């Protein structure tokens, strides 16, 4: 009976150790990088575990902020009509 208790003690100690390592690994690989990303103001892409930087479209296109959008007239946005013959 004495050896069974000792074996159970080591088994539960091993399970406890594995759980502690698992929790630490989860925090090291997921929680802490996400917290650093949020503190920097980035966008956390959890599927790829990456921290992205959010850029406004004006930065990428070098378009001024006060310029209205292009093609806002609904008549210009319509495609060619089937009833009109092509010239």
Protein backbone atom coordinates (compact mmCIF):
# COMPACT_ATOMS: atom_id res chain seq x y z
CA UNK A 1 0.00 0.00 0.00
CA UNK A 2 2.90 2.32 0.73
CA UNK A 3 4.22 2.15 -2.85
CA UNK A 4 0.79 2.93 -4.32
CA UNK A 5 0.50 6.12 -2.26
CA UNK A 6 3.98 7.21 -3.29
CA UNK A 7 3.17 6.48 -6.94
CA UNK A 8 -0.06 8.49 -6.69
CA UNK A 9 1.81 11.40 -5.08
CA UNK A 10 4.28 11.49 -7.96
CA UNK A 11 1.49 11.13 -10.50
CA UNK A 12 -0.50 14.06 -9.11
CA UNK A 13 2.68 16.12 -8.72
CA UNK A 14 3.47 15.46 -12.40
CA UNK A 15 -0.07 16.45 -13.43
CA UNK A 16 0.19 19.62 -11.32
CA UNK A 17 3.56 20.47 -12.87
CA UNK A 18 2.24 19.91 -16.41
CA UNK A 19 -0.77 22.15 -15.68
CA UNK A 20 1.52 24.90 -14.33
CA UNK A 21 3.73 24.71 -17.41
CA UNK A 22 0.64 24.78 -19.64
CA UNK A 23 -0.75 27.89 -17.95
CA UNK A 24 2.64 29.64 -18.16
CA UNK A 25 3.01 28.70 -21.85
CA UNK A 26 -0.50 30.01 -22.61
CA UNK A 27 0.30 33.34 -20.96
CA UNK A 28 3.75 33.56 -22.56
CA UNK A 29 2.53 32.77 -26.08
CA UNK A 30 -0.93 34.40 -26.11
CA UNK A 31 -1.91 36.68 -23.22
CA UNK A 32 1.25 38.76 -22.78
CA UNK A 33 1.82 39.44 -26.51
CA UNK A 34 -1.84 40.48 -26.84
CA UNK A 35 -1.49 42.84 -23.88
CA UNK A 36 1.66 44.39 -25.38
CA UNK A 37 -0.12 44.81 -28.71
CA UNK A 38 -3.13 46.46 -27.07
CA UNK A 39 -0.85 48.78 -25.09
CA UNK A 40 0.87 49.85 -28.33
CA UNK A 41 -2.49 50.52 -29.99
CA UNK A 42 -2.19 47.77 -32.57
CA UNK A 43 -4.76 45.32 -33.84
CA UNK A 44 -4.32 41.77 -32.50
CA UNK A 45 -4.78 39.13 -35.17
CA UNK A 46 -5.30 36.15 -32.90
CA UNK A 47 -5.53 33.56 -35.64
CA UNK A 48 -1.94 34.31 -36.70
CA UNK A 49 -0.81 35.62 -33.29
CA UNK A 50 0.46 38.84 -34.88
CA UNK A 51 0.15 42.48 -33.94
CA UNK A 52 -0.89 44.59 -36.90
CA UNK A 53 -0.61 48.32 -37.31
CA UNK A 54 -3.75 50.15 -38.37
CA UNK A 55 -3.16 52.64 -41.17
CA UNK A 56 -5.81 55.05 -42.41
CA UNK A 57 -6.51 54.73 -46.13
CA UNK A 58 -5.41 58.35 -46.58
CA UNK A 59 -1.91 57.39 -45.46
CA UNK A 60 -1.65 54.65 -48.06
CA UNK A 61 -3.14 56.61 -50.96
CA UNK A 62 -1.69 60.03 -50.01
CA UNK A 63 -5.17 61.48 -50.45
CA UNK A 64 -5.98 64.65 -48.42
CA UNK A 65 -8.57 64.32 -45.68
CA UNK A 66 -10.95 67.04 -46.98
CA UNK A 67 -11.42 65.59 -50.51
CA UNK A 68 -14.88 64.05 -51.09
CA UNK A 69 -15.09 60.42 -52.20
CA UNK A 70 -14.98 59.63 -55.91
CA UNK A 71 -18.04 58.20 -57.75
CA UNK A 72 -20.71 59.17 -55.26
CA UNK A 73 -23.28 59.96 -57.96
CA UNK A 74 -25.59 56.90 -58.21
CA UNK A 75 -26.25 57.52 -61.94
CA UNK A 76 -22.55 57.28 -62.70
CA UNK A 77 -22.24 54.10 -60.70
CA UNK A 78 -24.80 52.20 -62.78
CA UNK A 79 -23.52 49.83 -65.42
CA UNK A 80 -24.57 49.88 -69.06
CA UNK A 81 -28.23 49.21 -69.59
CA UNK A 82 -29.39 46.22 -71.65
CA UNK A 83 -32.02 48.29 -73.49
CA UNK A 84 -29.50 50.80 -74.86
CA UNK A 85 -27.70 49.64 -77.98
CA UNK A 86 -23.93 49.78 -77.85
CA UNK A 87 -22.32 52.24 -80.27
